[in-house]
């Protein structure tokens, strides 16, 4: 079975392609197929690392060694400011810290579209 069939890609018809002289590349003309969550089913089990960054701070190593439980570190963000959400060290969204039962959580308020 070919890779194309494994990915359930629509067949490529040369009549649907056009050459863009500005970029020097081929592009698909005509309607773009609508994507749904089911199209991503093959990657649902791929593990990723999600990080929600509340803020950052620069301190000397000597000060870092003196950090103990109860120590307050001043961060570069204010209360209520959006936090950054990273997936595999790539910024993908901004959000807010929320309390869910007795735990902290994050709600996404803005998706960051990356230029490729």
PDB file of N, CA and C in Angstrom:
ATOM      1  N   UNK A   1       0.849  -1.180   0.000  1.00  0.00           N
ATOM      2  CA  UNK A   1       0.000   0.000   0.000  1.00  0.00           C
ATOM      3  C   UNK A   1       0.889   1.235   0.000  1.00  0.00           C
ATOM      4  N   UNK A   2       0.536   2.252  -0.733  1.00  0.00           N
ATOM      5  CA  UNK A   2       1.374   3.447  -0.846  1.00  0.00           C
ATOM      6  C   UNK A   2       1.175   4.365   0.354  1.00  0.00           C
ATOM      7  N   UNK A   3       2.163   5.232   0.572  1.00  0.00           N
ATOM      8  CA  UNK A   3       2.081   6.224   1.655  1.00  0.00           C
ATOM      9  C   UNK A   3       0.858   7.118   1.460  1.00  0.00           C
ATOM     10  N   UNK A   4       0.538   7.477   0.232  1.00  0.00           N
ATOM     11  CA  UNK A   4      -0.598   8.360  -0.040  1.00  0.00           C
ATOM     12  C   UNK A   4      -1.892   7.745   0.480  1.00  0.00           C
ATOM     13  N   UNK A   5      -2.079   6.441   0.273  1.00  0.00           N
ATOM     14  CA  UNK A   5      -3.292   5.780   0.750  1.00  0.00           C
ATOM     15  C   UNK A   5      -3.312   5.682   2.266  1.00  0.00           C
ATOM     16  N   UNK A   6      -2.131   5.509   2.902  1.00  0.00           N
ATOM     17  CA  UNK A   6      -2.077   5.432   4.357  1.00  0.00           C
ATOM     18  C   UNK A   6      -2.519   6.740   5.003  1.00  0.00           C
ATOM     19  N   UNK A   7      -2.273   7.856   4.352  1.00  0.00           N
ATOM     20  CA  UNK A   7      -2.612   9.160   4.917  1.00  0.00           C
ATOM     21  C   UNK A   7      -3.985   9.653   4.484  1.00  0.00           C
ATOM     22  N   UNK A   8      -4.668   8.889   3.650  1.00  0.00           N
ATOM     23  CA  UNK A   8      -5.995   9.270   3.159  1.00  0.00           C
ATOM     24  C   UNK A   8      -5.981  10.632   2.479  1.00  0.00           C
ATOM     25  N   UNK A   9      -4.957  10.878   1.671  1.00  0.00           N
ATOM     26  CA  UNK A   9      -4.866  12.138   0.941  1.00  0.00           C
ATOM     27  C   UNK A   9      -5.730  12.079  -0.300  1.00  0.00           C
ATOM     28  N   UNK A  10      -6.319  13.216  -0.682  1.00  0.00           N
ATOM     29  CA  UNK A  10      -7.108  13.211  -1.912  1.00  0.00           C
ATOM     30  C   UNK A  10      -6.176  13.040  -3.104  1.00  0.00           C
ATOM     31  N   UNK A  11      -6.641  12.413  -4.172  1.00  0.00           N
ATOM     32  CA  UNK A  11      -5.788  12.233  -5.349  1.00  0.00           C
ATOM     33  C   UNK A  11      -5.403  13.585  -5.936  1.00  0.00           C
ATOM     34  N   UNK A  12      -4.175  13.665  -6.433  1.00  0.00           N
ATOM     35  CA  UNK A  12      -3.664  14.892  -7.015  1.00  0.00           C
ATOM     36  C   UNK A  12      -3.887  14.854  -8.513  1.00  0.00           C
ATOM     37  N   UNK A  13      -4.626  15.825  -8.997  1.00  0.00           N
ATOM     38  CA  UNK A  13      -4.909  15.930 -10.417  1.00  0.00           C
ATOM     39  C   UNK A  13      -4.056  17.058 -10.986  1.00  0.00           C
ATOM     40  N   UNK A  14      -3.171  16.776 -11.963  1.00  0.00           N
ATOM     41  CA  UNK A  14      -2.320  17.837 -12.520  1.00  0.00           C
ATOM     42  C   UNK A  14      -3.115  19.032 -13.039  1.00  0.00           C
ATOM     43  N   UNK A  15      -4.359  18.837 -13.433  1.00  0.00           N
ATOM     44  CA  UNK A  15      -5.176  19.957 -13.918  1.00  0.00           C
ATOM     45  C   UNK A  15      -5.518  20.928 -12.799  1.00  0.00           C
ATOM     46  N   UNK A  16      -5.410  20.469 -11.534  1.00  0.00           N
ATOM     47  CA  UNK A  16      -5.724  21.321 -10.388  1.00  0.00           C
ATOM     48  C   UNK A  16      -4.538  22.181  -9.953  1.00  0.00           C
ATOM     49  N   UNK A  17      -3.377  22.034 -10.608  1.00  0.00           N
ATOM     50  CA  UNK A  17      -2.187  22.763 -10.211  1.00  0.00           C
ATOM     51  C   UNK A  17      -1.963  23.971 -11.099  1.00  0.00           C
ATOM     52  N   UNK A  18      -1.393  25.002 -10.504  1.00  0.00           N
ATOM     53  CA  UNK A  18      -1.018  26.186 -11.282  1.00  0.00           C
ATOM     54  C   UNK A  18       0.359  26.640 -10.823  1.00  0.00           C
ATOM     55  N   UNK A  19       1.116  27.256 -11.722  1.00  0.00           N
ATOM     56  CA  UNK A  19       2.456  27.743 -11.412  1.00  0.00           C
ATOM     57  C   UNK A  19       2.368  29.203 -10.988  1.00  0.00           C
ATOM     58  N   UNK A  20       2.968  29.525  -9.831  1.00  0.00           N
ATOM     59  CA  UNK A  20       3.002  30.900  -9.339  1.00  0.00           C
ATOM     60  C   UNK A  20       4.357  31.496  -9.716  1.00  0.00           C
ATOM     61  N   UNK A  21       4.403  32.395 -10.694  1.00  0.00           N
ATOM     62  CA  UNK A  21       5.693  32.943 -11.118  1.00  0.00           C
ATOM     63  C   UNK A  21       6.367  33.796 -10.050  1.00  0.00           C
ATOM     64  N   UNK A  22       5.604  34.363  -9.109  1.00  0.00           N
ATOM     65  CA  UNK A  22       6.192  35.189  -8.049  1.00  0.00           C
ATOM     66  C   UNK A  22       7.017  34.357  -7.076  1.00  0.00           C
ATOM     67  N   UNK A  23       6.500  33.183  -6.692  1.00  0.00           N
ATOM     68  CA  UNK A  23       7.222  32.338  -5.739  1.00  0.00           C
ATOM     69  C   UNK A  23       8.021  31.253  -6.441  1.00  0.00           C
ATOM     70  N   UNK A  24       7.719  30.997  -7.721  1.00  0.00           N
ATOM     71  CA  UNK A  24       8.415  29.944  -8.453  1.00  0.00           C
ATOM     72  C   UNK A  24       7.989  28.555  -8.029  1.00  0.00           C
ATOM     73  N   UNK A  25       6.777  28.429  -7.470  1.00  0.00           N
ATOM     74  CA  UNK A  25       6.324  27.126  -6.998  1.00  0.00           C
ATOM     75  C   UNK A  25       4.958  26.784  -7.576  1.00  0.00           C
ATOM     76  N   UNK A  26       4.645  25.511  -7.457  1.00  0.00           N
ATOM     77  CA  UNK A  26       3.334  25.040  -7.897  1.00  0.00           C
ATOM     78  C   UNK A  26       2.351  25.200  -6.744  1.00  0.00           C
ATOM     79  N   UNK A  27       1.117  25.509  -7.046  1.00  0.00           N
ATOM     80  CA  UNK A  27       0.078  25.649  -6.029  1.00  0.00           C
ATOM     81  C   UNK A  27      -1.177  24.961  -6.523  1.00  0.00           C
ATOM     82  N   UNK A  28      -1.956  24.468  -5.589  1.00  0.00           N
ATOM     83  CA  UNK A  28      -3.209  23.820  -5.939  1.00  0.00           C
ATOM     84  C   UNK A  28      -4.260  24.893  -6.152  1.00  0.00           C
ATOM     85  N   UNK A  29      -4.909  24.849  -7.276  1.00  0.00           N
ATOM     86  CA  UNK A  29      -5.997  25.793  -7.526  1.00  0.00           C
ATOM     87  C   UNK A  29      -7.314  25.080  -7.269  1.00  0.00           C
ATOM     88  N   UNK A  30      -8.351  25.828  -7.150  1.00  0.00           N
ATOM     89  CA  UNK A  30      -9.653  25.215  -6.906  1.00  0.00           C
ATOM     90  C   UNK A  30      -9.923  25.096  -5.424  1.00  0.00           C
ATOM     91  N   UNK A  31     -11.002  24.411  -5.078  1.00  0.00           N
ATOM     92  CA  UNK A  31     -11.405  24.339  -3.668  1.00  0.00           C
ATOM     93  C   UNK A  31     -10.431  23.510  -2.842  1.00  0.00           C
ATOM     94  N   UNK A  32     -10.219  23.958  -1.609  1.00  0.00           N
ATOM     95  CA  UNK A  32      -9.378  23.235  -0.668  1.00  0.00           C
ATOM     96  C   UNK A  32     -10.287  22.339   0.160  1.00  0.00           C
ATOM     97  N   UNK A  33      -9.948  21.051   0.300  1.00  0.00           N
ATOM     98  CA  UNK A  33     -10.821  20.160   1.076  1.00  0.00           C
ATOM     99  C   UNK A  33     -10.935  20.633   2.529  1.00  0.00           C
ATOM    100  N   UNK A  34     -12.114  20.512   3.100  1.00  0.00           N
ATOM    101  CA  UNK A  34     -12.357  20.902   4.483  1.00  0.00           C
ATOM    102  C   UNK A  34     -11.735  19.852   5.394  1.00  0.00           C
ATOM    103  N   UNK A  35     -10.963  20.313   6.391  1.00  0.00           N
ATOM    104  CA  UNK A  35     -10.304  19.416   7.340  1.00  0.00           C
ATOM    105  C   UNK A  35     -11.134  19.332   8.612  1.00  0.00           C
ATOM    106  N   UNK A  36     -11.198  18.144   9.185  1.00  0.00           N
ATOM    107  CA  UNK A  36     -11.906  17.940  10.442  1.00  0.00           C
ATOM    108  C   UNK A  36     -10.965  17.266  11.429  1.00  0.00           C
ATOM    109  N   UNK A  37     -11.398  17.145  12.684  1.00  0.00           N
ATOM    110  CA  UNK A  37     -10.582  16.487  13.700  1.00  0.00           C
ATOM    111  C   UNK A  37     -10.318  15.034  13.324  1.00  0.00           C
ATOM    112  N   UNK A  38     -11.234  14.402  12.623  1.00  0.00           N
ATOM    113  CA  UNK A  38     -11.032  13.012  12.209  1.00  0.00           C
ATOM    114  C   UNK A  38      -9.838  12.864  11.283  1.00  0.00           C
ATOM    115  N   UNK A  39      -9.491  13.933  10.542  1.00  0.00           N
ATOM    116  CA  UNK A  39      -8.331  13.883   9.655  1.00  0.00           C
ATOM    117  C   UNK A  39      -7.030  13.762  10.450  1.00  0.00           C
ATOM    118  N   UNK A  40      -7.042  14.154  11.703  1.00  0.00           N
ATOM    119  CA  UNK A  40      -5.846  14.108  12.544  1.00  0.00           C
ATOM    120  C   UNK A  40      -5.789  12.865  13.431  1.00  0.00           C
ATOM    121  N   UNK A  41      -6.709  11.950  13.259  1.00  0.00           N
ATOM    122  CA  UNK A  41      -6.819  10.798  14.145  1.00  0.00           C
ATOM    123  C   UNK A  41      -5.514  10.020  14.273  1.00  0.00           C
ATOM    124  N   UNK A  42      -4.716   9.980  13.228  1.00  0.00           N
ATOM    125  CA  UNK A  42      -3.472   9.217  13.259  1.00  0.00           C
ATOM    126  C   UNK A  42      -2.440   9.800  14.216  1.00  0.00           C
ATOM    127  N   UNK A  43      -2.571  11.060  14.594  1.00  0.00           N
ATOM    128  CA  UNK A  43      -1.598  11.676  15.501  1.00  0.00           C
ATOM    129  C   UNK A  43      -2.155  11.868  16.911  1.00  0.00           C
ATOM    130  N   UNK A  44      -3.357  11.401  17.193  1.00  0.00           N
ATOM    131  CA  UNK A  44      -3.967  11.585  18.505  1.00  0.00           C
ATOM    132  C   UNK A  44      -3.132  10.992  19.633  1.00  0.00           C
ATOM    133  N   UNK A  45      -2.400   9.921  19.392  1.00  0.00           N
ATOM    134  CA  UNK A  45      -1.625   9.253  20.439  1.00  0.00           C
ATOM    135  C   UNK A  45      -0.167   9.712  20.509  1.00  0.00           C
ATOM    136  N   UNK A  46       0.219  10.715  19.732  1.00  0.00           N
ATOM    137  CA  UNK A  46       1.595  11.215  19.757  1.00  0.00           C
ATOM    138  C   UNK A  46       1.765  12.097  20.995  1.00  0.00           C
ATOM    139  N   UNK A  47       2.711  11.752  21.880  1.00  0.00           N
ATOM    140  CA  UNK A  47       2.896  12.570  23.084  1.00  0.00           C
ATOM    141  C   UNK A  47       3.594  13.890  22.760  1.00  0.00           C
ATOM    142  N   UNK A  48       3.166  14.955  23.421  1.00  0.00           N
ATOM    143  CA  UNK A  48       3.781  16.278  23.286  1.00  0.00           C
ATOM    144  C   UNK A  48       3.968  16.851  24.687  1.00  0.00           C
ATOM    145  N   UNK A  49       4.866  17.815  24.800  1.00  0.00           N
ATOM    146  CA  UNK A  49       5.101  18.503  26.066  1.00  0.00           C
ATOM    147  C   UNK A  49       4.415  19.862  26.002  1.00  0.00           C
ATOM    148  N   UNK A  50       3.517  20.108  26.958  1.00  0.00           N
ATOM    149  CA  UNK A  50       2.797  21.378  27.025  1.00  0.00           C
ATOM    150  C   UNK A  50       3.298  22.134  28.255  1.00  0.00           C
ATOM    151  N   UNK A  51       3.686  23.404  28.034  1.00  0.00           N
ATOM    152  CA  UNK A  51       4.178  24.247  29.128  1.00  0.00           C
ATOM    153  C   UNK A  51       3.380  25.539  29.150  1.00  0.00           C
ATOM    154  N   UNK A  52       2.967  25.945  30.340  1.00  0.00           N
ATOM    155  CA  UNK A  52       2.303  27.232  30.524  1.00  0.00           C
ATOM    156  C   UNK A  52       3.257  28.098  31.342  1.00  0.00           C
ATOM    157  N   UNK A  53       3.758  29.157  30.742  1.00  0.00           N
ATOM    158  CA  UNK A  53       4.773  29.996  31.374  1.00  0.00           C
ATOM    159  C   UNK A  53       4.106  31.201  32.030  1.00  0.00           C
ATOM    160  N   UNK A  54       4.196  31.259  33.338  1.00  0.00           N
ATOM    161  CA  UNK A  54       3.594  32.353  34.090  1.00  0.00           C
ATOM    162  C   UNK A  54       4.419  33.628  34.001  1.00  0.00           C
ATOM    163  N   UNK A  55       5.699  33.494  33.783  1.00  0.00           N
ATOM    164  CA  UNK A  55       6.607  34.628  33.700  1.00  0.00           C
ATOM    165  C   UNK A  55       8.029  34.146  33.863  1.00  0.00           C
ATOM    166  N   UNK A  56       8.965  35.082  33.844  1.00  0.00           N
ATOM    167  CA  UNK A  56      10.364  34.700  34.016  1.00  0.00           C
ATOM    168  C   UNK A  56      11.067  35.751  34.854  1.00  0.00           C
ATOM    169  N   UNK A  57      12.245  35.387  35.325  1.00  0.00           N
ATOM    170  CA  UNK A  57      13.030  36.282  36.163  1.00  0.00           C
ATOM    171  C   UNK A  57      14.499  35.937  35.988  1.00  0.00           C
ATOM    172  N   UNK A  58      15.375  36.931  36.067  1.00  0.00           N
ATOM    173  CA  UNK A  58      16.823  36.706  36.023  1.00  0.00           C
ATOM    174  C   UNK A  58      17.367  36.958  37.425  1.00  0.00           C
ATOM    175  N   UNK A  59      18.045  35.936  37.956  1.00  0.00           N
ATOM    176  CA  UNK A  59      18.665  36.093  39.266  1.00  0.00           C
ATOM    177  C   UNK A  59      20.063  35.473  39.216  1.00  0.00           C
ATOM    178  N   UNK A  60      20.899  35.899  40.115  1.00  0.00           N
ATOM    179  CA  UNK A  60      22.255  35.359  40.208  1.00  0.00           C
ATOM    180  C   UNK A  60      22.205  33.942  40.766  1.00  0.00           C
ATOM    181  N   UNK A  61      23.190  33.142  40.403  1.00  0.00           N
ATOM    182  CA  UNK A  61      23.250  31.754  40.874  1.00  0.00           C
ATOM    183  C   UNK A  61      23.283  31.716  42.405  1.00  0.00           C
ATOM    184  N   UNK A  62      24.009  32.627  43.018  1.00  0.00           N
ATOM    185  CA  UNK A  62      24.073  32.672  44.485  1.00  0.00           C
ATOM    186  C   UNK A  62      22.697  32.878  45.100  1.00  0.00           C
ATOM    187  N   UNK A  63      21.888  33.752  44.492  1.00  0.00           N
ATOM    188  CA  UNK A  63      20.525  33.979  44.986  1.00  0.00           C
ATOM    189  C   UNK A  63      19.650  32.753  44.740  1.00  0.00           C
ATOM    190  N   UNK A  64      19.857  32.081  43.603  1.00  0.00           N
ATOM    191  CA  UNK A  64      19.081  30.883  43.288  1.00  0.00           C
ATOM    192  C   UNK A  64      19.337  29.783  44.314  1.00  0.00           C
ATOM    193  N   UNK A  65      20.577  29.664  44.769  1.00  0.00           N
ATOM    194  CA  UNK A  65      20.918  28.633  45.760  1.00  0.00           C
ATOM    195  C   UNK A  65      20.282  28.909  47.115  1.00  0.00           C
ATOM    196  N   UNK A  66      19.852  30.141  47.363  1.00  0.00           N
ATOM    197  CA  UNK A  66      19.228  30.492  48.633  1.00  0.00           C
ATOM    198  C   UNK A  66      17.704  30.386  48.595  1.00  0.00           C
ATOM    199  N   UNK A  67      17.146  30.006  47.439  1.00  0.00           N
ATOM    200  CA  UNK A  67      15.688  29.869  47.318  1.00  0.00           C
ATOM    201  C   UNK A  67      15.235  28.689  48.177  1.00  0.00           C
ATOM    202  N   UNK A  68      14.204  28.929  48.964  1.00  0.00           N
ATOM    203  CA  UNK A  68      13.658  27.903  49.857  1.00  0.00           C
ATOM    204  C   UNK A  68      12.137  27.962  49.760  1.00  0.00           C
ATOM    205  N   UNK A  69      11.448  26.965  50.297  1.00  0.00           N
ATOM    206  CA  UNK A  69       9.986  27.024  50.300  1.00  0.00           C
ATOM    207  C   UNK A  69       9.517  28.318  50.959  1.00  0.00           C
ATOM    208  N   UNK A  70       8.592  28.999  50.289  1.00  0.00           N
ATOM    209  CA  UNK A  70       8.067  30.263  50.797  1.00  0.00           C
ATOM    210  C   UNK A  70       8.756  31.480  50.205  1.00  0.00           C
ATOM    211  N   UNK A  71       9.869  31.275  49.499  1.00  0.00           N
ATOM    212  CA  UNK A  71      10.571  32.397  48.864  1.00  0.00           C
ATOM    213  C   UNK A  71       9.716  32.936  47.722  1.00  0.00           C
ATOM    214  N   UNK A  72       9.632  34.246  47.624  1.00  0.00           N
ATOM    215  CA  UNK A  72       8.868  34.882  46.551  1.00  0.00           C
ATOM    216  C   UNK A  72       9.837  35.336  45.469  1.00  0.00           C
ATOM    217  N   UNK A  73       9.602  34.884  44.237  1.00  0.00           N
ATOM    218  CA  UNK A  73      10.391  35.321  43.092  1.00  0.00           C
ATOM    219  C   UNK A  73       9.543  36.273  42.277  1.00  0.00           C
ATOM    220  N   UNK A  74      10.073  37.458  42.007  1.00  0.00           N
ATOM    221  CA  UNK A  74       9.351  38.436  41.205  1.00  0.00           C
ATOM    222  C   UNK A  74       9.475  38.056  39.734  1.00  0.00           C
ATOM    223  N   UNK A  75       8.334  37.958  39.046  1.00  0.00           N
ATOM    224  CA  UNK A  75       8.309  37.607  37.629  1.00  0.00           C
ATOM    225  C   UNK A  75       8.065  38.847  36.784  1.00  0.00           C
ATOM    226  N   UNK A  76       8.270  38.716  35.485  1.00  0.00           N
ATOM    227  CA  UNK A  76       8.129  39.859  34.573  1.00  0.00           C
ATOM    228  C   UNK A  76       6.698  40.056  34.073  1.00  0.00           C
ATOM    229  N   UNK A  77       5.733  39.433  34.714  1.00  0.00           N
ATOM    230  CA  UNK A  77       4.327  39.592  34.332  1.00  0.00           C
ATOM    231  C   UNK A  77       3.529  40.084  35.517  1.00  0.00           C
ATOM    232  N   UNK A  78       2.421  40.740  35.216  1.00  0.00           N
ATOM    233  CA  UNK A  78       1.519  41.224  36.269  1.00  0.00           C
ATOM    234  C   UNK A  78       0.361  40.246  36.422  1.00  0.00           C
ATOM    235  N   UNK A  79      -0.293  40.308  37.564  1.00  0.00           N
ATOM    236  CA  UNK A  79      -1.477  39.489  37.807  1.00  0.00           C
ATOM    237  C   UNK A  79      -2.526  39.844  36.754  1.00  0.00           C
ATOM    238  N   UNK A  80      -3.115  38.846  36.135  1.00  0.00           N
ATOM    239  CA  UNK A  80      -4.150  39.063  35.128  1.00  0.00           C
ATOM    240  C   UNK A  80      -3.624  39.142  33.707  1.00  0.00           C
ATOM    241  N   UNK A  81      -2.299  39.261  33.528  1.00  0.00           N
ATOM    242  CA  UNK A  81      -1.742  39.284  32.176  1.00  0.00           C
ATOM    243  C   UNK A  81      -1.819  37.891  31.571  1.00  0.00           C
ATOM    244  N   UNK A  82      -1.898  37.847  30.248  1.00  0.00           N
ATOM    245  CA  UNK A  82      -1.942  36.565  29.550  1.00  0.00           C
ATOM    246  C   UNK A  82      -0.633  35.808  29.758  1.00  0.00           C
ATOM    247  N   UNK A  83      -0.743  34.491  29.865  1.00  0.00           N
ATOM    248  CA  UNK A  83       0.442  33.644  29.962  1.00  0.00           C
ATOM    249  C   UNK A  83       0.699  32.997  28.611  1.00  0.00           C
ATOM    250  N   UNK A  84       1.932  32.588  28.379  1.00  0.00           N
ATOM    251  CA  UNK A  84       2.294  31.931  27.128  1.00  0.00           C
ATOM    252  C   UNK A  84       2.145  30.426  27.281  1.00  0.00           C
ATOM    253  N   UNK A  85       1.589  29.780  26.249  1.00  0.00           N
ATOM    254  CA  UNK A  85       1.415  28.331  26.239  1.00  0.00           C
ATOM    255  C   UNK A  85       2.261  27.776  25.104  1.00  0.00           C
ATOM    256  N   UNK A  86       3.171  26.870  25.459  1.00  0.00           N
ATOM    257  CA  UNK A  86       4.083  26.268  24.495  1.00  0.00           C
ATOM    258  C   UNK A  86       3.759  24.789  24.328  1.00  0.00           C
ATOM    259  N   UNK A  87       3.892  24.281  23.111  1.00  0.00           N
ATOM    260  CA  UNK A  87       3.820  22.846  22.841  1.00  0.00           C
ATOM    261  C   UNK A  87       5.144  22.483  22.189  1.00  0.00           C
ATOM    262  N   UNK A  88       5.865  21.566  22.827  1.00  0.00           N
ATOM    263  CA  UNK A  88       7.205  21.181  22.369  1.00  0.00           C
ATOM    264  C   UNK A  88       8.085  22.409  22.145  1.00  0.00           C
ATOM    265  N   UNK A  89       8.078  23.314  23.117  1.00  0.00           N
ATOM    266  CA  UNK A  89       8.901  24.527  23.128  1.00  0.00           C
ATOM    267  C   UNK A  89       8.555  25.520  22.021  1.00  0.00           C
ATOM    268  N   UNK A  90       7.377  25.395  21.437  1.00  0.00           N
ATOM    269  CA  UNK A  90       6.931  26.320  20.393  1.00  0.00           C
ATOM    270  C   UNK A  90       5.688  27.057  20.894  1.00  0.00           C
ATOM    271  N   UNK A  91       5.715  28.390  20.834  1.00  0.00           N
ATOM    272  CA  UNK A  91       4.578  29.191  21.287  1.00  0.00           C
ATOM    273  C   UNK A  91       3.378  28.918  20.391  1.00  0.00           C
ATOM    274  N   UNK A  92       2.281  28.429  20.981  1.00  0.00           N
ATOM    275  CA  UNK A  92       1.085  28.112  20.202  1.00  0.00           C
ATOM    276  C   UNK A  92      -0.144  28.903  20.639  1.00  0.00           C
ATOM    277  N   UNK A  93      -0.126  29.445  21.873  1.00  0.00           N
ATOM    278  CA  UNK A  93      -1.331  30.121  22.358  1.00  0.00           C
ATOM    279  C   UNK A  93      -0.986  31.022  23.537  1.00  0.00           C
ATOM    280  N   UNK A  94      -1.956  31.849  23.886  1.00  0.00           N
ATOM    281  CA  UNK A  94      -1.898  32.634  25.111  1.00  0.00           C
ATOM    282  C   UNK A  94      -3.142  32.278  25.912  1.00  0.00           C
ATOM    283  N   UNK A  95      -3.066  32.418  27.200  1.00  0.00           N
ATOM    284  CA  UNK A  95      -4.208  32.024  28.008  1.00  0.00           C
ATOM    285  C   UNK A  95      -4.202  32.673  29.369  1.00  0.00           C
ATOM    286  N   UNK A  96      -5.073  32.166  30.225  1.00  0.00           N
ATOM    287  CA  UNK A  96      -5.225  32.670  31.589  1.00  0.00           C
ATOM    288  C   UNK A  96      -5.202  31.500  32.551  1.00  0.00           C
ATOM    289  N   UNK A  97      -4.697  31.753  33.745  1.00  0.00           N
ATOM    290  CA  UNK A  97      -4.713  30.744  34.794  1.00  0.00           C
ATOM    291  C   UNK A  97      -6.121  30.698  35.385  1.00  0.00           C
ATOM    292  N   UNK A  98      -6.634  29.483  35.583  1.00  0.00           N
ATOM    293  CA  UNK A  98      -7.953  29.298  36.180  1.00  0.00           C
ATOM    294  C   UNK A  98      -7.846  28.272  37.307  1.00  0.00           C
ATOM    295  N   UNK A  99      -8.797  28.278  38.197  1.00  0.00           N
ATOM    296  CA  UNK A  99      -8.862  27.285  39.262  1.00  0.00           C
ATOM    297  C   UNK A  99      -9.973  26.303  38.912  1.00  0.00           C
ATOM    298  N   UNK A 100      -9.627  25.016  38.879  1.00  0.00           N
ATOM    299  CA  UNK A 100     -10.586  23.947  38.595  1.00  0.00           C
ATOM    300  C   UNK A 100     -10.595  23.039  39.818  1.00  0.00           C
ATOM    301  N   UNK A 101     -11.707  23.063  40.566  1.00  0.00           N
ATOM    302  CA  UNK A 101     -11.805  22.383  41.853  1.00  0.00           C
ATOM    303  C   UNK A 101     -10.670  22.880  42.733  1.00  0.00           C
ATOM    304  N   UNK A 102      -9.725  22.027  43.133  1.00  0.00           N
ATOM    305  CA  UNK A 102      -8.642  22.486  43.995  1.00  0.00           C
ATOM    306  C   UNK A 102      -7.306  22.539  43.263  1.00  0.00           C
ATOM    307  N   UNK A 103      -7.347  22.610  41.929  1.00  0.00           N
ATOM    308  CA  UNK A 103      -6.126  22.609  41.128  1.00  0.00           C
ATOM    309  C   UNK A 103      -6.085  23.821  40.206  1.00  0.00           C
ATOM    310  N   UNK A 104      -4.871  24.177  39.794  1.00  0.00           N
ATOM    311  CA  UNK A 104      -4.710  25.250  38.817  1.00  0.00           C
ATOM    312  C   UNK A 104      -4.798  24.665  37.418  1.00  0.00           C
ATOM    313  N   UNK A 105      -5.336  25.438  36.506  1.00  0.00           N
ATOM    314  CA  UNK A 105      -5.420  25.039  35.108  1.00  0.00           C
ATOM    315  C   UNK A 105      -5.180  26.258  34.233  1.00  0.00           C
ATOM    316  N   UNK A 106      -5.228  26.040  32.949  1.00  0.00           N
ATOM    317  CA  UNK A 106      -5.019  27.119  31.985  1.00  0.00           C
ATOM    318  C   UNK A 106      -6.123  27.052  30.952  1.00  0.00           C
ATOM    319  N   UNK A 107      -6.692  28.194  30.619  1.00  0.00           N
ATOM    320  CA  UNK A 107      -7.655  28.263  29.531  1.00  0.00           C
ATOM    321  C   UNK A 107      -7.030  29.079  28.409  1.00  0.00           C
ATOM    322  N   UNK A 108      -7.134  28.588  27.185  1.00  0.00           N
ATOM    323  CA  UNK A 108      -6.568  29.299  26.043  1.00  0.00           C
ATOM    324  C   UNK A 108      -7.512  30.411  25.623  1.00  0.00           C
ATOM    325  N   UNK A 109      -6.956  31.605  25.446  1.00  0.00           N
ATOM    326  CA  UNK A 109      -7.763  32.741  25.011  1.00  0.00           C
ATOM    327  C   UNK A 109      -7.392  33.214  23.606  1.00  0.00           C
ATOM    328  N   UNK A 110      -6.206  32.801  23.133  1.00  0.00           N
ATOM    329  CA  UNK A 110      -5.748  33.236  21.821  1.00  0.00           C
ATOM    330  C   UNK A 110      -4.832  32.169  21.235  1.00  0.00           C
ATOM    331  N   UNK A 111      -5.101  31.743  20.013  1.00  0.00           N
ATOM    332  CA  UNK A 111      -4.238  30.804  19.308  1.00  0.00           C
ATOM    333  C   UNK A 111      -3.257  31.611  18.476  1.00  0.00           C
ATOM    334  N   UNK A 112      -1.990  31.249  18.552  1.00  0.00           N
ATOM    335  CA  UNK A 112      -0.938  31.944  17.802  1.00  0.00           C
ATOM    336  C   UNK A 112      -0.697  31.179  16.505  1.00  0.00           C
ATOM    337  N   UNK A 113      -0.910  31.821  15.377  1.00  0.00           N
ATOM    338  CA  UNK A 113      -0.643  31.194  14.090  1.00  0.00           C
ATOM    339  C   UNK A 113       0.802  31.468  13.711  1.00  0.00           C
ATOM    340  N   UNK A 114       1.553  30.405  13.499  1.00  0.00           N
ATOM    341  CA  UNK A 114       2.966  30.552  13.148  1.00  0.00           C
ATOM    342  C   UNK A 114       3.111  30.705  11.646  1.00  0.00           C
ATOM    343  N   UNK A 115       3.988  31.611  11.246  1.00  0.00           N
ATOM    344  CA  UNK A 115       4.318  31.750   9.829  1.00  0.00           C
ATOM    345  C   UNK A 115       5.339  30.689   9.480  1.00  0.00           C
ATOM    346  N   UNK A 116       5.074  29.951   8.434  1.00  0.00           N
ATOM    347  CA  UNK A 116       6.003  28.879   8.047  1.00  0.00           C
ATOM    348  C   UNK A 116       6.785  29.275   6.861  1.00  0.00           C
TER     349      UNK A 116
END
